[in-house]
Amino acid sequence: MSQESVMSTLRKFRDARNWKQFHTPDALAKSIAIEAGELLECFQWPGQDFCNDEALLELADILTYAYFLADRLGADPEDIILRKLERTAKKYPVKATPREDKE
C-alpha cells in the first residue's frame, strides 16, 4: 500500500468517527509518547518472553499517530524523513562514524 493510500485510509477512518476535532498537534504528540511507552513495555524486563505481535501493534499505533501529526502539520512523512536523513548524513558522515568491520 502506498503512503498516499495509507494516509487516505487513515483520514477516512478518522473522519467516519468525527475524531479530527481531537487531533490537535499536542494531543497527537502526547499519543505518540503514550504509545511509545506501551511499546517499551514489550521489552521492559530482561528474560521476558518477547511479544512480537504486541510490539508490532504498538508500533502501528505510533506510526498511525505520526502520520496524523504529519498530516495536521501539513508535512509529507516520506519527505520529512528523507530531509532528516540527509541532515543526519552530513552530521555523521560514513568515514567519521566509528564502526567495527567484521568479516
PDB file of N, CA and C in Angstrom:
ATOM      1  N   MET A   1       0.851  -1.174   0.000  1.00  0.00           N
ATOM      2  CA  MET A   1       0.000   0.000   0.000  1.00  0.00           C
ATOM      3  C   MET A   1       0.897   1.238   0.000  1.00  0.00           C
ATOM      4  N   SER A   2       0.599   2.179  -0.865  1.00  0.00           N
ATOM      5  CA  SER A   2       1.404   3.387  -0.958  1.00  0.00           C
ATOM      6  C   SER A   2       1.136   4.301   0.235  1.00  0.00           C
ATOM      7  N   GLN A   3       2.060   5.222   0.451  1.00  0.00           N
ATOM      8  CA  GLN A   3       1.916   6.169   1.556  1.00  0.00           C
ATOM      9  C   GLN A   3       0.649   6.999   1.394  1.00  0.00           C
ATOM     10  N   GLU A   4       0.347   7.428   0.159  1.00  0.00           N
ATOM     11  CA  GLU A   4      -0.871   8.212  -0.079  1.00  0.00           C
ATOM     12  C   GLU A   4      -2.112   7.399   0.252  1.00  0.00           C
ATOM     13  N   SER A   5      -2.088   6.125  -0.096  1.00  0.00           N
ATOM     14  CA  SER A   5      -3.216   5.245   0.186  1.00  0.00           C
ATOM     15  C   SER A   5      -3.385   5.039   1.689  1.00  0.00           C
ATOM     16  N   VAL A   6      -2.281   4.893   2.394  1.00  0.00           N
ATOM     17  CA  VAL A   6      -2.332   4.747   3.856  1.00  0.00           C
ATOM     18  C   VAL A   6      -2.945   5.998   4.470  1.00  0.00           C
ATOM     19  N   MET A   7      -2.469   7.168   4.052  1.00  0.00           N
ATOM     20  CA  MET A   7      -2.993   8.415   4.618  1.00  0.00           C
ATOM     21  C   MET A   7      -4.461   8.584   4.287  1.00  0.00           C
ATOM     22  N   SER A   8      -4.859   8.240   3.087  1.00  0.00           N
ATOM     23  CA  SER A   8      -6.267   8.331   2.692  1.00  0.00           C
ATOM     24  C   SER A   8      -7.131   7.408   3.550  1.00  0.00           C
ATOM     25  N   THR A   9      -6.662   6.195   3.776  1.00  0.00           N
ATOM     26  CA  THR A   9      -7.387   5.230   4.607  1.00  0.00           C
ATOM     27  C   THR A   9      -7.488   5.727   6.046  1.00  0.00           C
ATOM     28  N   LEU A  10      -6.399   6.276   6.567  1.00  0.00           N
ATOM     29  CA  LEU A  10      -6.408   6.816   7.930  1.00  0.00           C
ATOM     30  C   LEU A  10      -7.389   7.983   8.053  1.00  0.00           C
ATOM     31  N   ARG A  11      -7.377   8.870   7.078  1.00  0.00           N
ATOM     32  CA  ARG A  11      -8.306  10.013   7.115  1.00  0.00           C
ATOM     33  C   ARG A  11      -9.759   9.545   7.097  1.00  0.00           C
ATOM     34  N   LYS A  12     -10.061   8.583   6.239  1.00  0.00           N
ATOM     35  CA  LYS A  12     -11.436   8.066   6.154  1.00  0.00           C
ATOM     36  C   LYS A  12     -11.859   7.446   7.484  1.00  0.00           C
ATOM     37  N   PHE A  13     -10.976   6.675   8.087  1.00  0.00           N
ATOM     38  CA  PHE A  13     -11.250   6.052   9.380  1.00  0.00           C
ATOM     39  C   PHE A  13     -11.537   7.126  10.431  1.00  0.00           C
ATOM     40  N   ARG A  14     -10.645   8.129  10.495  1.00  0.00           N
ATOM     41  CA  ARG A  14     -10.784   9.221  11.465  1.00  0.00           C
ATOM     42  C   ARG A  14     -12.063  10.022  11.231  1.00  0.00           C
ATOM     43  N   ASP A  15     -12.291  10.389   9.988  1.00  0.00           N
ATOM     44  CA  ASP A  15     -13.433  11.251   9.673  1.00  0.00           C
ATOM     45  C   ASP A  15     -14.771  10.549   9.883  1.00  0.00           C
ATOM     46  N   ALA A  16     -14.816   9.242   9.635  1.00  0.00           N
ATOM     47  CA  ALA A  16     -16.057   8.491   9.850  1.00  0.00           C
ATOM     48  C   ALA A  16     -16.459   8.496  11.322  1.00  0.00           C
ATOM     49  N   ARG A  17     -15.495   8.698  12.201  1.00  0.00           N
ATOM     50  CA  ARG A  17     -15.742   8.698  13.645  1.00  0.00           C
ATOM     51  C   ARG A  17     -15.760  10.109  14.239  1.00  0.00           C
ATOM     52  N   ASN A  18     -15.576  11.109  13.369  1.00  0.00           N
ATOM     53  CA  ASN A  18     -15.555  12.506  13.790  1.00  0.00           C
ATOM     54  C   ASN A  18     -14.456  12.773  14.829  1.00  0.00           C
ATOM     55  N   TRP A  19     -13.292  12.176  14.617  1.00  0.00           N
ATOM     56  CA  TRP A  19     -12.183  12.327  15.557  1.00  0.00           C
ATOM     57  C   TRP A  19     -11.238  13.466  15.201  1.00  0.00           C
ATOM     58  N   LYS A  20     -11.390  14.056  14.018  1.00  0.00           N
ATOM     59  CA  LYS A  20     -10.451  15.101  13.596  1.00  0.00           C
ATOM     60  C   LYS A  20     -10.378  16.229  14.621  1.00  0.00           C
ATOM     61  N   GLN A  21     -11.506  16.520  15.254  1.00  0.00           N
ATOM     62  CA  GLN A  21     -11.556  17.597  16.248  1.00  0.00           C
ATOM     63  C   GLN A  21     -10.599  17.361  17.422  1.00  0.00           C
ATOM     64  N   PHE A  22     -10.274  16.111  17.674  1.00  0.00           N
ATOM     65  CA  PHE A  22      -9.384  15.767  18.785  1.00  0.00           C
ATOM     66  C   PHE A  22      -7.919  15.686  18.360  1.00  0.00           C
ATOM     67  N   HIS A  23      -7.670  15.723  17.065  1.00  0.00           N
ATOM     68  CA  HIS A  23      -6.321  15.528  16.542  1.00  0.00           C
ATOM     69  C   HIS A  23      -5.554  16.840  16.438  1.00  0.00           C
ATOM     70  N   THR A  24      -5.358  17.468  17.580  1.00  0.00           N
ATOM     71  CA  THR A  24      -4.530  18.667  17.650  1.00  0.00           C
ATOM     72  C   THR A  24      -3.069  18.223  17.716  1.00  0.00           C
ATOM     73  N   PRO A  25      -2.138  19.080  17.301  1.00  0.00           N
ATOM     74  CA  PRO A  25      -0.733  18.672  17.359  1.00  0.00           C
ATOM     75  C   PRO A  25      -0.288  18.202  18.740  1.00  0.00           C
ATOM     76  N   ASP A  26      -0.702  18.901  19.790  1.00  0.00           N
ATOM     77  CA  ASP A  26      -0.267  18.484  21.129  1.00  0.00           C
ATOM     78  C   ASP A  26      -0.879  17.148  21.528  1.00  0.00           C
ATOM     79  N   ALA A  27      -2.136  16.917  21.190  1.00  0.00           N
ATOM     80  CA  ALA A  27      -2.774  15.635  21.529  1.00  0.00           C
ATOM     81  C   ALA A  27      -2.122  14.492  20.759  1.00  0.00           C
ATOM     82  N   LEU A  28      -1.789  14.732  19.502  1.00  0.00           N
ATOM     83  CA  LEU A  28      -1.151  13.684  18.699  1.00  0.00           C
ATOM     84  C   LEU A  28       0.261  13.393  19.201  1.00  0.00           C
ATOM     85  N   ALA A  29       1.011  14.435  19.563  1.00  0.00           N
ATOM     86  CA  ALA A  29       2.360  14.231  20.107  1.00  0.00           C
ATOM     87  C   ALA A  29       2.300  13.444  21.415  1.00  0.00           C
ATOM     88  N   LYS A  30       1.338  13.775  22.264  1.00  0.00           N
ATOM     89  CA  LYS A  30       1.165  13.026  23.518  1.00  0.00           C
ATOM     90  C   LYS A  30       0.813  11.572  23.231  1.00  0.00           C
ATOM     91  N   SER A  31      -0.038  11.357  22.254  1.00  0.00           N
ATOM     92  CA  SER A  31      -0.439   9.991  21.909  1.00  0.00           C
ATOM     93  C   SER A  31       0.744   9.174  21.414  1.00  0.00           C
ATOM     94  N   ILE A  32       1.636   9.808  20.647  1.00  0.00           N
ATOM     95  CA  ILE A  32       2.840   9.113  20.187  1.00  0.00           C
ATOM     96  C   ILE A  32       3.676   8.684  21.395  1.00  0.00           C
ATOM     97  N   ALA A  33       3.862   9.592  22.352  1.00  0.00           N
ATOM     98  CA  ALA A  33       4.655   9.276  23.545  1.00  0.00           C
ATOM     99  C   ALA A  33       4.011   8.167  24.371  1.00  0.00           C
ATOM    100  N   ILE A  34       2.701   8.220  24.509  1.00  0.00           N
ATOM    101  CA  ILE A  34       1.984   7.188  25.270  1.00  0.00           C
ATOM    102  C   ILE A  34       2.149   5.826  24.610  1.00  0.00           C
ATOM    103  N   GLU A  35       1.966   5.785  23.301  1.00  0.00           N
ATOM    104  CA  GLU A  35       2.098   4.513  22.586  1.00  0.00           C
ATOM    105  C   GLU A  35       3.541   4.017  22.599  1.00  0.00           C
ATOM    106  N   ALA A  36       4.505   4.937  22.575  1.00  0.00           N
ATOM    107  CA  ALA A  36       5.914   4.535  22.673  1.00  0.00           C
ATOM    108  C   ALA A  36       6.181   3.877  24.023  1.00  0.00           C
ATOM    109  N   GLY A  37       5.556   4.391  25.070  1.00  0.00           N
ATOM    110  CA  GLY A  37       5.672   3.767  26.389  1.00  0.00           C
ATOM    111  C   GLY A  37       5.101   2.362  26.393  1.00  0.00           C
ATOM    112  N   GLU A  38       3.979   2.188  25.706  1.00  0.00           N
ATOM    113  CA  GLU A  38       3.377   0.855  25.620  1.00  0.00           C
ATOM    114  C   GLU A  38       4.272  -0.095  24.823  1.00  0.00           C
ATOM    115  N   LEU A  39       4.950   0.421  23.806  1.00  0.00           N
ATOM    116  CA  LEU A  39       5.906  -0.404  23.056  1.00  0.00           C
ATOM    117  C   LEU A  39       7.063  -0.825  23.962  1.00  0.00           C
ATOM    118  N   LEU A  40       7.541   0.099  24.779  1.00  0.00           N
ATOM    119  CA  LEU A  40       8.639  -0.222  25.700  1.00  0.00           C
ATOM    120  C   LEU A  40       8.279  -1.334  26.672  1.00  0.00           C
ATOM    121  N   GLU A  41       7.013  -1.429  27.041  1.00  0.00           N
ATOM    122  CA  GLU A  41       6.594  -2.492  27.951  1.00  0.00           C
ATOM    123  C   GLU A  41       6.892  -3.873  27.376  1.00  0.00           C
ATOM    124  N   CYS A  42       6.921  -3.983  26.063  1.00  0.00           N
ATOM    125  CA  CYS A  42       7.227  -5.275  25.428  1.00  0.00           C
ATOM    126  C   CYS A  42       8.677  -5.691  25.673  1.00  0.00           C
ATOM    127  N   PHE A  43       9.519  -4.735  26.045  1.00  0.00           N
ATOM    128  CA  PHE A  43      10.946  -5.002  26.234  1.00  0.00           C
ATOM    129  C   PHE A  43      11.398  -4.655  27.656  1.00  0.00           C
ATOM    130  N   GLN A  44      10.450  -4.531  28.570  1.00  0.00           N
ATOM    131  CA  GLN A  44      10.732  -3.995  29.899  1.00  0.00           C
ATOM    132  C   GLN A  44      11.658  -4.868  30.742  1.00  0.00           C
ATOM    133  N   TRP A  45      11.398  -6.157  30.795  1.00  0.00           N
ATOM    134  CA  TRP A  45      12.124  -6.998  31.740  1.00  0.00           C
ATOM    135  C   TRP A  45      13.062  -7.955  31.027  1.00  0.00           C
ATOM    136  N   PRO A  46      14.315  -8.024  31.521  1.00  0.00           N
ATOM    137  CA  PRO A  46      15.253  -8.990  30.949  1.00  0.00           C
ATOM    138  C   PRO A  46      14.705 -10.407  31.097  1.00  0.00           C
ATOM    139  N   GLY A  47      14.833 -11.180  30.068  1.00  0.00           N
ATOM    140  CA  GLY A  47      14.395 -12.565  30.121  1.00  0.00           C
ATOM    141  C   GLY A  47      12.913 -12.777  29.880  1.00  0.00           C
ATOM    142  N   GLN A  48      12.150 -11.689  29.746  1.00  0.00           N
ATOM    143  CA  GLN A  48      10.716 -11.884  29.493  1.00  0.00           C
ATOM    144  C   GLN A  48      10.523 -12.377  28.068  1.00  0.00           C
ATOM    145  N   ASP A  49       9.440 -13.058  27.855  1.00  0.00           N
ATOM    146  CA  ASP A  49       9.131 -13.521  26.512  1.00  0.00           C
ATOM    147  C   ASP A  49       8.920 -12.313  25.614  1.00  0.00           C
ATOM    148  N   PHE A  50       9.560 -12.342  24.472  1.00  0.00           N
ATOM    149  CA  PHE A  50       9.411 -11.255  23.512  1.00  0.00           C
ATOM    150  C   PHE A  50       8.017 -11.318  22.914  1.00  0.00           C
ATOM    151  N   CYS A  51       7.315 -10.212  22.972  1.00  0.00           N
ATOM    152  CA  CYS A  51       5.935 -10.177  22.481  1.00  0.00           C
ATOM    153  C   CYS A  51       5.896  -9.481  21.120  1.00  0.00           C
ATOM    154  N   ASN A  52       6.389 -10.146  20.096  1.00  0.00           N
ATOM    155  CA  ASN A  52       6.500  -9.560  18.768  1.00  0.00           C
ATOM    156  C   ASN A  52       5.165  -9.040  18.250  1.00  0.00           C
ATOM    157  N   ASP A  53       4.102  -9.827  18.386  1.00  0.00           N
ATOM    158  CA  ASP A  53       2.797  -9.393  17.878  1.00  0.00           C
ATOM    159  C   ASP A  53       2.334  -8.120  18.574  1.00  0.00           C
ATOM    160  N   GLU A  54       2.483  -8.075  19.877  1.00  0.00           N
ATOM    161  CA  GLU A  54       2.073  -6.887  20.631  1.00  0.00           C
ATOM    162  C   GLU A  54       2.960  -5.696  20.278  1.00  0.00           C
ATOM    163  N   ALA A  55       4.262  -5.933  20.119  1.00  0.00           N
ATOM    164  CA  ALA A  55       5.181  -4.854  19.744  1.00  0.00           C
ATOM    165  C   ALA A  55       4.790  -4.263  18.392  1.00  0.00           C
ATOM    166  N   LEU A  56       4.424  -5.106  17.452  1.00  0.00           N
ATOM    167  CA  LEU A  56       4.020  -4.618  16.132  1.00  0.00           C
ATOM    168  C   LEU A  56       2.726  -3.818  16.197  1.00  0.00           C
ATOM    169  N   LEU A  57       1.803  -4.232  17.054  1.00  0.00           N
ATOM    170  CA  LEU A  57       0.559  -3.469  17.220  1.00  0.00           C
ATOM    171  C   LEU A  57       0.839  -2.087  17.818  1.00  0.00           C
ATOM    172  N   GLU A  58       1.731  -2.034  18.794  1.00  0.00           N
ATOM    173  CA  GLU A  58       2.083  -0.741  19.392  1.00  0.00           C
ATOM    174  C   GLU A  58       2.821   0.133  18.387  1.00  0.00           C
ATOM    175  N   LEU A  59       3.701  -0.479  17.594  1.00  0.00           N
ATOM    176  CA  LEU A  59       4.400   0.266  16.553  1.00  0.00           C
ATOM    177  C   LEU A  59       3.408   0.824  15.534  1.00  0.00           C
ATOM    178  N   ALA A  60       2.391   0.052  15.200  1.00  0.00           N
ATOM    179  CA  ALA A  60       1.344   0.533  14.286  1.00  0.00           C
ATOM    180  C   ALA A  60       0.634   1.744  14.877  1.00  0.00           C
ATOM    181  N   ASP A  61       0.366   1.721  16.179  1.00  0.00           N
ATOM    182  CA  ASP A  61      -0.264   2.877  16.829  1.00  0.00           C
ATOM    183  C   ASP A  61       0.629   4.115  16.724  1.00  0.00           C
ATOM    184  N   ILE A  62       1.921   3.931  16.974  1.00  0.00           N
ATOM    185  CA  ILE A  62       2.874   5.043  16.898  1.00  0.00           C
ATOM    186  C   ILE A  62       2.907   5.619  15.485  1.00  0.00           C
ATOM    187  N   LEU A  63       3.014   4.737  14.502  1.00  0.00           N
ATOM    188  CA  LEU A  63       3.058   5.195  13.112  1.00  0.00           C
ATOM    189  C   LEU A  63       1.764   5.893  12.709  1.00  0.00           C
ATOM    190  N   THR A  64       0.640   5.368  13.165  1.00  0.00           N
ATOM    191  CA  THR A  64      -0.654   5.985  12.858  1.00  0.00           C
ATOM    192  C   THR A  64      -0.704   7.408  13.390  1.00  0.00           C
ATOM    193  N   TYR A  65      -0.346   7.588  14.653  1.00  0.00           N
ATOM    194  CA  TYR A  65      -0.355   8.932  15.226  1.00  0.00           C
ATOM    195  C   TYR A  65       0.684   9.832  14.556  1.00  0.00           C
ATOM    196  N   ALA A  66       1.828   9.276  14.176  1.00  0.00           N
ATOM    197  CA  ALA A  66       2.852  10.068  13.489  1.00  0.00           C
ATOM    198  C   ALA A  66       2.344  10.536  12.123  1.00  0.00           C
ATOM    199  N   TYR A  67       1.658   9.660  11.411  1.00  0.00           N
ATOM    200  CA  TYR A  67       1.070  10.058  10.125  1.00  0.00           C
ATOM    201  C   TYR A  67       0.033  11.155  10.331  1.00  0.00           C
ATOM    202  N   PHE A  68      -0.825  10.991  11.334  1.00  0.00           N
ATOM    203  CA  PHE A  68      -1.831  12.018  11.610  1.00  0.00           C
ATOM    204  C   PHE A  68      -1.180  13.350  11.978  1.00  0.00           C
ATOM    205  N   LEU A  69      -0.101  13.308  12.758  1.00  0.00           N
ATOM    206  CA  LEU A  69       0.577  14.538  13.149  1.00  0.00           C
ATOM    207  C   LEU A  69       1.220  15.207  11.936  1.00  0.00           C
ATOM    208  N   ALA A  70       1.887  14.436  11.113  1.00  0.00           N
ATOM    209  CA  ALA A  70       2.481  14.998   9.895  1.00  0.00           C
ATOM    210  C   ALA A  70       1.398  15.637   9.030  1.00  0.00           C
ATOM    211  N   ASP A  71       0.281  14.957   8.890  1.00  0.00           N
ATOM    212  CA  ASP A  71      -0.831  15.478   8.096  1.00  0.00           C
ATOM    213  C   ASP A  71      -1.345  16.782   8.693  1.00  0.00           C
ATOM    214  N   ARG A  72      -1.494  16.814   9.996  1.00  0.00           N
ATOM    215  CA  ARG A  72      -2.003  18.010  10.691  1.00  0.00           C
ATOM    216  C   ARG A  72      -1.052  19.182  10.526  1.00  0.00           C
ATOM    217  N   LEU A  73       0.257  18.892  10.456  1.00  0.00           N
ATOM    218  CA  LEU A  73       1.266  19.939  10.295  1.00  0.00           C
ATOM    219  C   LEU A  73       1.508  20.294   8.829  1.00  0.00           C
ATOM    220  N   GLY A  74       0.796  19.614   7.935  1.00  0.00           N
ATOM    221  CA  GLY A  74       0.943  19.886   6.505  1.00  0.00           C
ATOM    222  C   GLY A  74       2.235  19.352   5.920  1.00  0.00           C
ATOM    223  N   ALA A  75       2.750  18.288   6.508  1.00  0.00           N
ATOM    224  CA  ALA A  75       4.019  17.712   6.070  1.00  0.00           C
ATOM    225  C   ALA A  75       3.805  16.337   5.458  1.00  0.00           C
ATOM    226  N   ASP A  76       4.669  15.997   4.536  1.00  0.00           N
ATOM    227  CA  ASP A  76       4.665  14.681   3.920  1.00  0.00           C
ATOM    228  C   ASP A  76       5.635  13.795   4.705  1.00  0.00           C
ATOM    229  N   PRO A  77       5.162  12.700   5.309  1.00  0.00           N
ATOM    230  CA  PRO A  77       6.046  11.869   6.142  1.00  0.00           C
ATOM    231  C   PRO A  77       7.314  11.413   5.426  1.00  0.00           C
ATOM    232  N   GLU A  78       7.179  10.957   4.202  1.00  0.00           N
ATOM    233  CA  GLU A  78       8.350  10.483   3.460  1.00  0.00           C
ATOM    234  C   GLU A  78       9.345  11.620   3.251  1.00  0.00           C
ATOM    235  N   ASP A  79       8.855  12.786   2.905  1.00  0.00           N
ATOM    236  CA  ASP A  79       9.712  13.943   2.665  1.00  0.00           C
ATOM    237  C   ASP A  79      10.466  14.350   3.924  1.00  0.00           C
ATOM    238  N   ILE A  80       9.778  14.417   5.057  1.00  0.00           N
ATOM    239  CA  ILE A  80      10.473  14.859   6.271  1.00  0.00           C
ATOM    240  C   ILE A  80      11.481  13.821   6.757  1.00  0.00           C
ATOM    241  N   ILE A  81      11.188  12.553   6.525  1.00  0.00           N
ATOM    242  CA  ILE A  81      12.150  11.504   6.889  1.00  0.00           C
ATOM    243  C   ILE A  81      13.405  11.630   6.032  1.00  0.00           C
ATOM    244  N   LEU A  82      13.224  11.797   4.730  1.00  0.00           N
ATOM    245  CA  LEU A  82      14.376  11.899   3.828  1.00  0.00           C
ATOM    246  C   LEU A  82      15.190  13.163   4.093  1.00  0.00           C
ATOM    247  N   ARG A  83      14.514  14.281   4.384  1.00  0.00           N
ATOM    248  CA  ARG A  83      15.242  15.516   4.709  1.00  0.00           C
ATOM    249  C   ARG A  83      16.037  15.356   6.003  1.00  0.00           C
ATOM    250  N   LYS A  84      15.450  14.705   6.991  1.00  0.00           N
ATOM    251  CA  LYS A  84      16.150  14.484   8.260  1.00  0.00           C
ATOM    252  C   LYS A  84      17.328  13.538   8.060  1.00  0.00           C
ATOM    253  N   LEU A  85      17.136  12.512   7.253  1.00  0.00           N
ATOM    254  CA  LEU A  85      18.219  11.571   6.973  1.00  0.00           C
ATOM    255  C   LEU A  85      19.380  12.279   6.279  1.00  0.00           C
ATOM    256  N   GLU A  86      19.064  13.201   5.389  1.00  0.00           N
ATOM    257  CA  GLU A  86      20.096  13.981   4.704  1.00  0.00           C
ATOM    258  C   GLU A  86      20.899  14.815   5.706  1.00  0.00           C
ATOM    259  N   ARG A  87      20.213  15.450   6.636  1.00  0.00           N
ATOM    260  CA  ARG A  87      20.898  16.233   7.673  1.00  0.00           C
ATOM    261  C   ARG A  87      21.755  15.333   8.566  1.00  0.00           C
ATOM    262  N   THR A  88      21.226  14.174   8.910  1.00  0.00           N
ATOM    263  CA  THR A  88      21.960  13.238   9.757  1.00  0.00           C
ATOM    264  C   THR A  88      23.199  12.714   9.037  1.00  0.00           C
ATOM    265  N   ALA A  89      23.083  12.471   7.732  1.00  0.00           N
ATOM    266  CA  ALA A  89      24.229  12.003   6.947  1.00  0.00           C
ATOM    267  C   ALA A  89      25.346  13.041   6.939  1.00  0.00           C
ATOM    268  N   LYS A  90      24.989  14.316   6.880  1.00  0.00           N
ATOM    269  CA  LYS A  90      26.002  15.379   6.923  1.00  0.00           C
ATOM    270  C   LYS A  90      26.640  15.456   8.308  1.00  0.00           C
ATOM    271  N   LYS A  91      25.832  15.263   9.324  1.00  0.00           N
ATOM    272  CA  LYS A  91      26.331  15.338  10.698  1.00  0.00           C
ATOM    273  C   LYS A  91      27.225  14.150  11.034  1.00  0.00           C
ATOM    274  N   TYR A  92      26.873  12.988  10.497  1.00  0.00           N
ATOM    275  CA  TYR A  92      27.617  11.756  10.768  1.00  0.00           C
ATOM    276  C   TYR A  92      28.033  11.096   9.461  1.00  0.00           C
ATOM    277  N   PRO A  93      29.041  11.649   8.782  1.00  0.00           N
ATOM    278  CA  PRO A  93      29.482  11.031   7.527  1.00  0.00           C
ATOM    279  C   PRO A  93      30.039   9.633   7.787  1.00  0.00           C
ATOM    280  N   VAL A  94      29.958   8.797   6.783  1.00  0.00           N
ATOM    281  CA  VAL A  94      30.364   7.395   6.920  1.00  0.00           C
ATOM    282  C   VAL A  94      31.793   7.279   7.432  1.00  0.00           C
ATOM    283  N   LYS A  95      32.723   8.042   6.903  1.00  0.00           N
ATOM    284  CA  LYS A  95      34.123   7.945   7.318  1.00  0.00           C
ATOM    285  C   LYS A  95      34.329   8.367   8.768  1.00  0.00           C
ATOM    286  N   ALA A  96      33.474   9.229   9.279  1.00  0.00           N
ATOM    287  CA  ALA A  96      33.627   9.713  10.651  1.00  0.00           C
ATOM    288  C   ALA A  96      32.896   8.850  11.669  1.00  0.00           C
ATOM    289  N   THR A  97      32.154   7.879  11.185  1.00  0.00           N
ATOM    290  CA  THR A  97      31.375   7.038  12.080  1.00  0.00           C
ATOM    291  C   THR A  97      32.215   5.853  12.532  1.00  0.00           C
ATOM    292  N   PRO A  98      32.441   5.722  13.846  1.00  0.00           N
ATOM    293  CA  PRO A  98      33.201   4.561  14.318  1.00  0.00           C
ATOM    294  C   PRO A  98      32.404   3.285  14.081  1.00  0.00           C
ATOM    295  N   ARG A  99      33.088   2.300  13.561  1.00  0.00           N
ATOM    296  CA  ARG A  99      32.414   1.023  13.340  1.00  0.00           C
ATOM    297  C   ARG A  99      33.436  -0.093  13.375  1.00  0.00           C
ATOM    298  N   GLU A 100      32.933  -1.245  13.594  1.00  0.00           N
ATOM    299  CA  GLU A 100      33.778  -2.423  13.646  1.00  0.00           C
ATOM    300  C   GLU A 100      33.536  -3.220  12.381  1.00  0.00           C
ATOM    301  N   ASP A 101      34.580  -3.385  11.591  1.00  0.00           N
ATOM    302  CA  ASP A 101      34.450  -4.180  10.373  1.00  0.00           C
ATOM    303  C   ASP A 101      34.585  -5.649  10.721  1.00  0.00           C
ATOM    304  N   LYS A 102      33.566  -6.404  10.378  1.00  0.00           N
ATOM    305  CA  LYS A 102      33.582  -7.844  10.641  1.00  0.00           C
ATOM    306  C   LYS A 102      33.598  -8.575   9.315  1.00  0.00           C
ATOM    307  N   GLU A 103      34.365  -9.623   9.279  1.00  0.00           N
ATOM    308  CA  GLU A 103      34.420 -10.422   8.052  1.00  0.00           C
ATOM    309  C   GLU A 103      33.641 -11.676   8.215  1.00  0.00           C
TER     310      GLU A 103
END
